N, C-alpha and C. Protein backbone atom coordinates (compact mmCIF):
# COMPACT_ATOMS: atom_id res chain seq x y z
N MET A 1 0.71 -1.01 0.16
CA MET A 1 -0.27 0.12 -0.32
C MET A 1 0.34 0.78 -0.36
N ILE A 2 2.01 1.25 0.74
CA ILE A 2 2.73 2.35 0.84
C ILE A 2 3.27 2.67 -0.40
N LEU A 3 4.07 1.35 -1.22
CA LEU A 3 4.41 1.50 -1.88
C LEU A 3 3.61 2.24 -3.43
N TYR A 4 2.34 1.88 -3.64
CA TYR A 4 1.67 2.21 -4.30
C TYR A 4 1.49 3.43 -4.24
N LEU A 5 1.33 4.32 -2.61
CA LEU A 5 0.77 5.79 -2.35
C LEU A 5 2.03 6.43 -3.15
N ASN A 6 3.12 5.78 -2.80
CA ASN A 6 4.23 6.83 -3.12
C ASN A 6 4.57 6.62 -5.00
N ARG A 7 4.22 5.80 -5.60
CA ARG A 7 4.27 5.62 -6.90
C ARG A 7 3.34 7.00 -7.36
N ALA A 8 2.04 6.39 -6.97
CA ALA A 8 1.16 7.66 -7.18
C ALA A 8 1.63 8.85 -6.78
N ARG A 9 2.26 9.04 -5.79
CA ARG A 9 2.65 10.54 -5.68
C ARG A 9 3.76 10.89 -6.64
N LEU A 10 4.45 10.01 -6.97
CA LEU A 10 5.14 10.70 -8.15
C LEU A 10 4.72 11.11 -9.23
N ARG A 11 4.02 9.78 -9.69
CA ARG A 11 3.53 10.42 -10.87
C ARG A 11 2.30 11.86 -10.73
N ARG A 12 2.26 11.93 -9.80
CA ARG A 12 1.24 13.47 -9.58
C ARG A 12 1.95 14.28 -9.98
N THR A 13 3.48 14.06 -9.22
CA THR A 13 4.55 15.69 -9.17
C THR A 13 5.04 15.47 -10.41
N PHE A 14 5.07 14.24 -11.19
CA PHE A 14 5.88 14.31 -12.73
C PHE A 14 4.74 15.05 -13.45
N ALA A 15 3.75 14.41 -13.25
CA ALA A 15 2.13 15.12 -14.49
C ALA A 15 2.40 16.73 -14.10
N VAL A 16 1.94 17.14 -12.74
CA VAL A 16 2.03 19.06 -12.22
C VAL A 16 3.36 19.11 -13.03
N LEU A 17 4.34 18.88 -12.51
CA LEU A 17 5.85 19.42 -13.20
C LEU A 17 5.93 19.33 -14.46
N LEU A 18 5.43 18.69 -15.16
CA LEU A 18 5.77 18.78 -16.73
C LEU A 18 4.82 19.76 -16.98
N MET A 19 3.85 19.82 -16.42
CA MET A 19 2.50 20.54 -17.10
C MET A 19 3.04 22.39 -16.77
N LEU A 20 3.50 22.11 -15.61
CA LEU A 20 4.30 23.67 -15.47
C LEU A 20 5.10 23.92 -15.67
N VAL A 21 6.30 23.55 -16.43
CA VAL A 21 7.47 23.56 -17.05
C VAL A 21 6.75 23.55 -18.36
N VAL A 22 6.16 22.64 -18.97
CA VAL A 22 6.33 22.84 -20.72
C VAL A 22 5.22 24.02 -20.76
N GLY A 23 4.32 24.03 -20.16
CA GLY A 23 3.04 24.47 -20.64
C GLY A 23 3.32 26.03 -20.50
N GLY A 24 4.46 26.77 -19.75
CA GLY A 24 5.23 28.46 -19.47
C GLY A 24 5.91 28.36 -20.82
N ALA A 25 6.54 27.40 -21.21
CA ALA A 25 7.84 27.19 -22.11
C ALA A 25 6.59 27.38 -23.76
N ALA A 26 4.85 26.70 -23.47
CA ALA A 26 4.53 26.42 -24.83
C ALA A 26 3.99 28.30 -24.96
N VAL A 27 3.90 28.73 -24.28
CA VAL A 27 2.86 30.27 -24.89
C VAL A 27 4.14 31.20 -24.93
N ARG A 28 5.27 31.01 -24.79
CA ARG A 28 6.77 31.66 -25.37
C ARG A 28 6.71 31.28 -26.59
N ALA A 29 6.62 29.77 -27.41
CA ALA A 29 6.61 29.54 -28.48
C ALA A 29 5.82 29.81 -29.51
N VAL A 30 4.63 30.20 -28.53
CA VAL A 30 3.68 30.40 -30.20
C VAL A 30 3.97 31.89 -30.20
N SER A 31 4.79 32.77 -29.42
CA SER A 31 4.85 34.24 -30.23
C SER A 31 5.85 34.06 -30.94
N SER A 32 6.68 33.11 -30.92
CA SER A 32 8.36 32.82 -31.19
C SER A 32 8.69 33.68 -32.95
N PRO A 33 9.19 34.05 -33.61
CA PRO A 33 9.48 34.62 -34.82
C PRO A 33 10.06 33.20 -35.67
N SER A 34 10.69 32.53 -34.46
CA SER A 34 11.66 31.32 -34.97
C SER A 34 11.10 30.44 -35.92
N VAL A 35 9.43 30.63 -35.60
CA VAL A 35 8.68 29.07 -35.88
C VAL A 35 8.50 28.71 -37.65
N PRO A 36 8.73 27.54 -38.29
CA PRO A 36 9.19 27.46 -39.47
C PRO A 36 8.10 28.11 -40.41
N ALA A 37 8.34 28.18 -41.16
CA ALA A 37 7.00 27.97 -42.22
C ALA A 37 6.52 26.86 -42.86
N THR A 38 6.82 25.66 -42.18
CA THR A 38 6.57 24.13 -42.89
C THR A 38 5.39 23.56 -42.47
N THR A 39 4.83 23.38 -43.48
CA THR A 39 3.66 22.83 -42.77
C THR A 39 3.72 21.54 -42.03
N MET A 40 2.87 21.78 -40.67
CA MET A 40 2.48 21.03 -39.50
C MET A 40 1.68 20.38 -39.10
N ASN A 41 2.07 19.03 -38.41
CA ASN A 41 0.85 18.04 -38.64
C ASN A 41 0.55 17.62 -37.00
N ASN A 42 -0.23 17.64 -36.12
CA ASN A 42 -0.37 17.33 -34.95
C ASN A 42 -0.26 15.80 -34.03
N PHE A 43 0.44 16.06 -33.63
CA PHE A 43 0.92 14.42 -32.65
C PHE A 43 0.57 14.22 -31.15
N VAL A 44 0.70 13.52 -30.54
CA VAL A 44 0.37 13.16 -29.13
C VAL A 44 1.45 12.58 -28.84
N ILE A 45 2.82 12.93 -27.72
CA ILE A 45 3.35 11.59 -26.84
C ILE A 45 2.55 10.93 -25.80
N ILE A 46 2.50 10.04 -25.49
CA ILE A 46 1.50 9.44 -24.53
C ILE A 46 2.66 9.06 -23.53
N PHE A 47 3.01 9.38 -22.67
CA PHE A 47 3.67 9.08 -21.01
C PHE A 47 2.76 7.90 -20.30
N ARG A 48 3.28 6.73 -20.02
CA ARG A 48 3.28 5.92 -19.08
C ARG A 48 4.01 5.48 -18.04
N GLN A 49 3.83 5.64 -17.15
CA GLN A 49 5.03 5.34 -15.52
C GLN A 49 5.10 3.98 -15.46
N GLY A 50 6.21 3.46 -15.23
CA GLY A 50 6.55 2.03 -15.23
C GLY A 50 6.41 1.80 -13.87
N PRO A 51 6.81 0.35 -13.26
CA PRO A 51 6.97 0.75 -12.19
C PRO A 51 8.65 0.63 -11.42
N ARG A 52 9.41 1.31 -12.17
CA ARG A 52 10.43 1.62 -11.33
C ARG A 52 10.49 3.27 -10.69
N PRO A 53 10.60 2.41 -9.59
CA PRO A 53 10.66 4.21 -8.48
C PRO A 53 11.64 4.58 -8.19
N LEU A 54 11.57 5.94 -8.33
CA LEU A 54 12.23 6.83 -8.45
C LEU A 54 13.15 7.95 -7.52
N SER A 55 13.66 7.81 -6.89
CA SER A 55 14.16 8.52 -5.60
C SER A 55 13.93 10.08 -5.82
N PRO A 56 13.99 10.98 -4.83
CA PRO A 56 13.86 12.45 -5.03
C PRO A 56 14.73 13.07 -6.02
N GLU A 57 16.35 12.22 -6.12
CA GLU A 57 17.51 13.22 -6.70
C GLU A 57 17.19 12.88 -8.04
N ASP A 58 16.46 11.71 -8.57
CA ASP A 58 15.74 11.37 -9.93
C ASP A 58 15.29 12.26 -10.33
N ILE A 59 13.81 12.50 -9.61
CA ILE A 59 12.46 13.16 -10.03
C ILE A 59 13.10 14.69 -9.68
N ALA A 60 14.19 15.14 -9.50
CA ALA A 60 15.14 16.38 -9.70
C ALA A 60 15.74 16.48 -10.86
N ARG A 61 16.23 15.63 -10.74
CA ARG A 61 17.30 15.36 -12.15
C ARG A 61 16.45 15.67 -13.73
N ARG A 62 15.57 14.45 -13.49
CA ARG A 62 14.63 14.69 -14.43
C ARG A 62 13.92 15.47 -14.83
N GLN A 63 13.23 16.52 -14.20
CA GLN A 63 12.59 17.61 -13.89
C GLN A 63 13.84 18.67 -14.85
N ARG A 64 14.85 18.54 -14.40
CA ARG A 64 16.12 19.63 -15.02
C ARG A 64 16.04 19.37 -16.38
N GLU A 65 16.26 17.77 -16.80
CA GLU A 65 16.31 17.26 -17.92
C GLU A 65 14.96 17.85 -19.12
N ILE A 66 13.39 17.74 -18.79
CA ILE A 66 12.48 18.00 -19.06
C ILE A 66 12.46 19.57 -19.45
N VAL A 67 13.38 20.40 -18.55
CA VAL A 67 12.81 21.92 -18.87
C VAL A 67 13.87 22.05 -20.36
N GLU A 68 14.93 21.27 -20.02
CA GLU A 68 15.48 21.87 -21.54
C GLU A 68 15.00 21.14 -22.97
N TRP A 69 14.73 19.98 -22.45
CA TRP A 69 13.98 19.53 -23.62
C TRP A 69 12.85 19.78 -24.17
N ALA A 70 12.36 20.56 -23.02
CA ALA A 70 10.91 21.72 -23.89
C ALA A 70 11.46 22.59 -24.19
N ARG A 71 12.71 23.34 -23.72
CA ARG A 71 12.39 24.73 -24.37
C ARG A 71 13.70 24.51 -25.36
N VAL A 72 14.16 23.45 -25.87
CA VAL A 72 14.69 23.14 -27.10
C VAL A 72 13.48 22.83 -27.96
N HIS A 73 12.65 21.75 -27.91
CA HIS A 73 11.70 21.95 -28.71
C HIS A 73 10.49 23.03 -29.23
N ASN A 74 10.46 24.13 -28.40
CA ASN A 74 9.57 25.22 -28.20
C ASN A 74 10.28 26.01 -29.16
N ALA A 75 11.58 26.22 -29.09
CA ALA A 75 12.30 26.56 -29.38
C ALA A 75 12.19 26.73 -31.42
N ALA A 76 11.94 25.41 -31.48
CA ALA A 76 12.43 24.64 -33.05
C ALA A 76 10.56 25.10 -33.38
N GLY A 77 9.92 25.32 -32.17
CA GLY A 77 8.73 25.94 -33.39
C GLY A 77 7.23 24.48 -33.29
N HIS A 78 8.00 23.44 -32.36
CA HIS A 78 7.42 22.57 -32.05
C HIS A 78 5.92 22.52 -31.19
N LYS A 79 5.47 23.86 -30.71
CA LYS A 79 3.97 24.32 -29.96
C LYS A 79 3.86 23.26 -29.00
N LEU A 80 4.50 22.58 -27.90
CA LEU A 80 4.20 21.42 -27.04
C LEU A 80 3.19 22.29 -26.21
N GLU A 81 2.30 21.49 -25.92
CA GLU A 81 0.95 21.44 -25.02
C GLU A 81 1.05 20.37 -24.17
N PRO A 82 1.41 20.45 -22.68
CA PRO A 82 0.94 19.39 -22.08
C PRO A 82 0.13 19.35 -21.24
N ARG A 83 -0.34 17.46 -20.75
CA ARG A 83 -1.53 17.91 -20.01
C ARG A 83 -1.47 16.59 -19.22
N ALA A 84 -1.64 16.85 -17.92
CA ALA A 84 -1.45 16.46 -16.50
C ALA A 84 -2.70 15.01 -16.42
N MET A 85 -2.35 13.80 -16.16
CA MET A 85 -3.41 12.82 -15.96
C MET A 85 -3.64 12.88 -14.17
N ALA A 86 -5.08 12.92 -13.94
CA ALA A 86 -5.13 12.72 -12.67
C ALA A 86 -4.92 11.04 -12.69
N SER A 87 -4.84 10.68 -11.15
CA SER A 87 -4.03 9.33 -10.68
C SER A 87 -5.38 8.15 -10.81
N GLU A 88 -6.73 8.92 -10.25
CA GLU A 88 -7.91 8.21 -10.13
C GLU A 88 -8.52 7.89 -11.64
N ILE A 89 -9.51 6.72 -11.06
CA ILE A 89 -9.76 6.39 -13.04
C ILE A 89 -11.34 6.01 -12.78
N ARG A 90 -12.26 5.84 -13.60
CA ARG A 90 -13.34 5.74 -13.43
C ARG A 90 -13.16 5.02 -14.78
N ARG A 91 -13.80 3.74 -15.14
CA ARG A 91 -13.95 2.95 -16.37
C ARG A 91 -15.51 3.38 -16.94
N ALA A 92 -15.96 3.68 -17.51
CA ALA A 92 -17.53 3.79 -18.46
C ALA A 92 -17.84 2.60 -19.49
N GLY A 93 -17.15 1.96 -19.72
CA GLY A 93 -17.26 1.01 -20.24
C GLY A 93 -17.10 -0.46 -19.77
N LEU A 94 -16.11 -1.29 -20.42
CA LEU A 94 -16.01 -2.83 -19.66
C LEU A 94 -14.96 -2.70 -19.34
N GLU A 95 -14.58 -3.32 -18.35
CA GLU A 95 -13.59 -3.49 -17.42
C GLU A 95 -12.49 -4.11 -17.78
N GLN A 96 -12.95 -5.25 -18.71
CA GLN A 96 -12.00 -6.16 -19.42
C GLN A 96 -10.61 -5.12 -19.89
N GLY A 97 -9.86 -5.37 -19.97
CA GLY A 97 -8.58 -4.75 -20.75
C GLY A 97 -7.18 -4.80 -20.29
N ALA A 98 -6.29 -4.59 -20.55
CA ALA A 98 -5.14 -4.87 -19.57
C ALA A 98 -5.06 -3.66 -19.30
N GLU A 99 -4.51 -3.02 -18.16
CA GLU A 99 -4.09 -2.13 -16.94
C GLU A 99 -2.74 -1.30 -17.43
N GLY A 100 -1.76 -2.21 -17.24
CA GLY A 100 -1.04 -1.81 -17.78
C GLY A 100 0.18 -1.11 -17.11
N TRP A 101 0.76 0.21 -17.04
CA TRP A 101 1.04 1.28 -16.66
C TRP A 101 0.35 2.31 -16.86
N PRO A 102 0.15 2.84 -15.43
CA PRO A 102 -0.87 4.40 -15.79
C PRO A 102 -0.48 4.98 -16.65
N LEU A 103 -1.59 5.85 -17.29
CA LEU A 103 -1.21 6.83 -18.04
C LEU A 103 -0.81 8.21 -16.91
N THR A 104 0.22 8.95 -17.54
CA THR A 104 0.49 9.84 -16.63
C THR A 104 0.14 11.28 -17.48
N ALA A 105 0.71 11.59 -18.20
CA ALA A 105 0.46 12.88 -19.06
C ALA A 105 0.77 12.42 -20.81
N LEU A 106 0.38 13.70 -21.21
CA LEU A 106 -0.27 13.68 -22.76
C LEU A 106 0.95 14.73 -22.96
N VAL A 107 1.52 14.97 -24.31
CA VAL A 107 1.83 15.87 -24.63
C VAL A 107 1.79 16.21 -26.67
N PHE A 108 0.80 17.27 -26.44
CA PHE A 108 0.66 17.38 -27.43
C PHE A 108 1.65 18.03 -28.26
N LEU A 109 1.80 18.10 -29.94
CA LEU A 109 3.03 18.79 -30.31
C LEU A 109 2.47 18.91 -31.73
N GLN A 110 3.18 19.86 -32.49
CA GLN A 110 3.04 20.16 -34.10
C GLN A 110 4.23 19.49 -34.65
N ALA A 111 4.57 18.48 -35.63
CA ALA A 111 5.88 18.09 -36.52
C ALA A 111 5.32 17.86 -37.54
N ARG A 112 6.62 17.49 -38.25
CA ARG A 112 6.57 17.74 -39.86
C ARG A 112 6.07 16.64 -40.14
N ASP A 113 6.40 15.30 -39.50
CA ASP A 113 5.67 14.11 -39.66
C ASP A 113 6.02 13.13 -38.53
N LEU A 114 5.57 11.67 -38.83
CA LEU A 114 5.57 10.87 -37.43
C LEU A 114 7.09 10.77 -37.21
N GLU A 115 8.36 10.52 -38.21
CA GLU A 115 9.62 10.54 -37.72
C GLU A 115 9.76 11.46 -37.08
N GLN A 116 9.48 13.04 -37.48
CA GLN A 116 10.48 13.76 -36.41
C GLN A 116 9.51 13.84 -35.11
N ALA A 117 8.15 13.70 -35.20
CA ALA A 117 7.27 13.91 -33.65
C ALA A 117 7.87 12.08 -33.11
N SER A 118 8.51 10.84 -33.41
CA SER A 118 8.94 10.35 -32.97
C SER A 118 10.66 10.52 -32.65
N GLU A 119 11.52 11.48 -33.12
CA GLU A 119 12.12 11.26 -32.76
C GLU A 119 12.56 12.57 -31.32
N ILE A 120 11.26 13.48 -31.81
CA ILE A 120 11.14 13.68 -30.50
C ILE A 120 10.93 13.44 -29.18
N ALA A 121 9.90 12.79 -29.18
CA ALA A 121 9.76 11.72 -28.33
C ALA A 121 10.81 10.90 -27.51
N ARG A 122 12.02 10.18 -28.40
CA ARG A 122 12.59 9.58 -28.51
C ARG A 122 13.76 9.91 -27.30
N VAL A 123 14.09 11.32 -27.67
CA VAL A 123 15.19 11.94 -26.71
C VAL A 123 13.91 12.38 -25.48
N HIS A 124 12.65 12.35 -25.30
CA HIS A 124 12.52 12.64 -23.88
C HIS A 124 13.18 12.41 -22.96
N PRO A 125 13.10 12.81 -21.57
CA PRO A 125 14.24 12.89 -20.37
C PRO A 125 13.25 11.15 -19.52
N ALA A 126 11.95 11.63 -19.73
CA ALA A 126 11.16 10.02 -19.44
C ALA A 126 11.54 8.90 -19.88
N ASN A 127 11.92 8.46 -21.20
CA ASN A 127 12.61 7.35 -21.40
C ASN A 127 13.66 6.98 -20.88
N ARG A 128 14.77 7.59 -20.44
CA ARG A 128 15.53 7.31 -18.94
C ARG A 128 15.11 6.93 -17.78
N PHE A 129 13.63 7.09 -17.18
CA PHE A 129 13.63 7.29 -15.84
C PHE A 129 12.22 6.54 -15.54
N GLY A 130 12.48 5.37 -16.57
CA GLY A 130 11.14 3.91 -16.70
C GLY A 130 9.92 4.41 -17.02
N ALA A 131 10.04 5.19 -17.87
CA ALA A 131 8.43 5.46 -18.84
C ALA A 131 8.25 4.67 -19.44
N SER A 132 6.94 4.57 -20.41
CA SER A 132 6.83 4.48 -21.66
C SER A 132 6.08 5.31 -22.20
N VAL A 133 7.09 5.78 -23.51
CA VAL A 133 6.60 7.04 -24.00
C VAL A 133 6.03 6.57 -26.06
N GLU A 134 5.13 6.85 -26.24
CA GLU A 134 4.25 6.64 -27.60
C GLU A 134 4.40 7.37 -27.99
N VAL A 135 3.87 7.53 -29.26
CA VAL A 135 4.03 9.07 -30.22
C VAL A 135 2.56 8.49 -30.96
N ARG A 136 1.49 9.30 -31.33
CA ARG A 136 0.48 9.15 -32.13
C ARG A 136 0.51 10.15 -32.77
N ALA A 137 -0.23 10.35 -34.34
CA ALA A 137 -1.29 11.60 -35.00
C ALA A 137 -2.40 11.79 -34.35
N TRP A 138 -2.69 12.80 -34.20
CA TRP A 138 -4.25 12.49 -33.81
C TRP A 138 -5.22 14.25 -35.09
N SER A 139 -6.50 13.95 -34.94
CA SER A 139 -7.38 14.94 -35.86
C SER A 139 -8.22 15.35 -34.79
N ASN A 140 -8.74 16.74 -35.58
CA ASN A 140 -9.77 17.13 -34.60
C ASN A 140 -11.12 16.41 -35.72
N PRO A 141 -11.88 15.40 -34.92
CA PRO A 141 -13.34 15.47 -35.57
C PRO A 141 -14.11 16.23 -36.25
N ALA A 142 -14.25 16.90 -35.22
CA ALA A 142 -15.06 18.30 -35.98
C ALA A 142 -14.78 18.95 -36.96
N ALA A 143 -13.76 18.85 -37.11
CA ALA A 143 -12.66 19.78 -38.27
C ALA A 143 -13.18 18.55 -39.78
N GLN A 144 -12.87 17.47 -39.35
CA GLN A 144 -12.73 16.29 -40.09
C GLN A 144 -14.38 16.43 -41.05
N ALA A 145 -15.12 16.28 -39.89
CA ALA A 145 -16.83 16.45 -40.03
C ALA A 145 -17.17 17.96 -41.37
N SER A 146 -16.60 18.70 -40.67
CA SER A 146 -17.02 20.14 -41.53
C SER A 146 -16.29 19.93 -42.72
N ALA A 147 -15.44 19.62 -42.85
CA ALA A 147 -14.45 19.54 -44.22
C ALA A 147 -15.83 19.27 -45.63
N PRO A 148 -15.20 19.55 -46.54
CA PRO A 148 -16.54 19.03 -47.88
C PRO A 148 -15.69 17.12 -48.21
N ASN A 149 -16.24 16.72 -48.62
CA ASN A 149 -16.28 15.33 -48.69
C ASN A 149 -16.11 15.12 -50.46
N GLN A 150 -14.72 14.60 -50.52
CA GLN A 150 -13.79 14.33 -51.73
C GLN A 150 -14.77 14.07 -52.95
N ARG A 151 -16.01 13.46 -52.47
CA ARG A 151 -16.68 12.97 -53.71
C ARG A 151 -17.48 13.85 -54.08
N ASP A 152 -17.66 14.88 -53.16
CA ASP A 152 -18.71 15.84 -53.15
C ASP A 152 -18.48 16.68 -54.38
N ALA A 153 -16.78 16.70 -54.66
CA ALA A 153 -15.93 17.83 -55.04
C ALA A 153 -16.13 17.38 -56.43
N GLU A 154 -16.40 16.31 -56.79
CA GLU A 154 -15.96 15.34 -58.46
C GLU A 154 -17.30 15.64 -58.99
């Protein structure tokens, strides 16, 4: 029970710090004149915290590394937008399925393609601190629904 509480506390601390640090950097990046004119696509980095316990020193080092990671990628125009996940879960559907490692954070970003987004995720400090890091493209369903159908245009 104590180990679970400590892991939950570590997840919350990581998620809150990630949101505070990267969120502030994202605001600066939006107004940056160095944002490339390249067409960018939407991606999300999904973080799941593994079972490896982190010492207070590990947490502090990870956080310093995340600050630098965010600074570099926001300056490059990737517009990082983090979201911290609460540790409490309620399932609305089937209970079946692998819980796996708990989802702790999401970082939305812009990149040219999946290869570039994957490289940004690959160098995230969480990889060295026992987290699972996954990258996916995402789209806005409302925008897709309002876009003209290709067949209608023909």
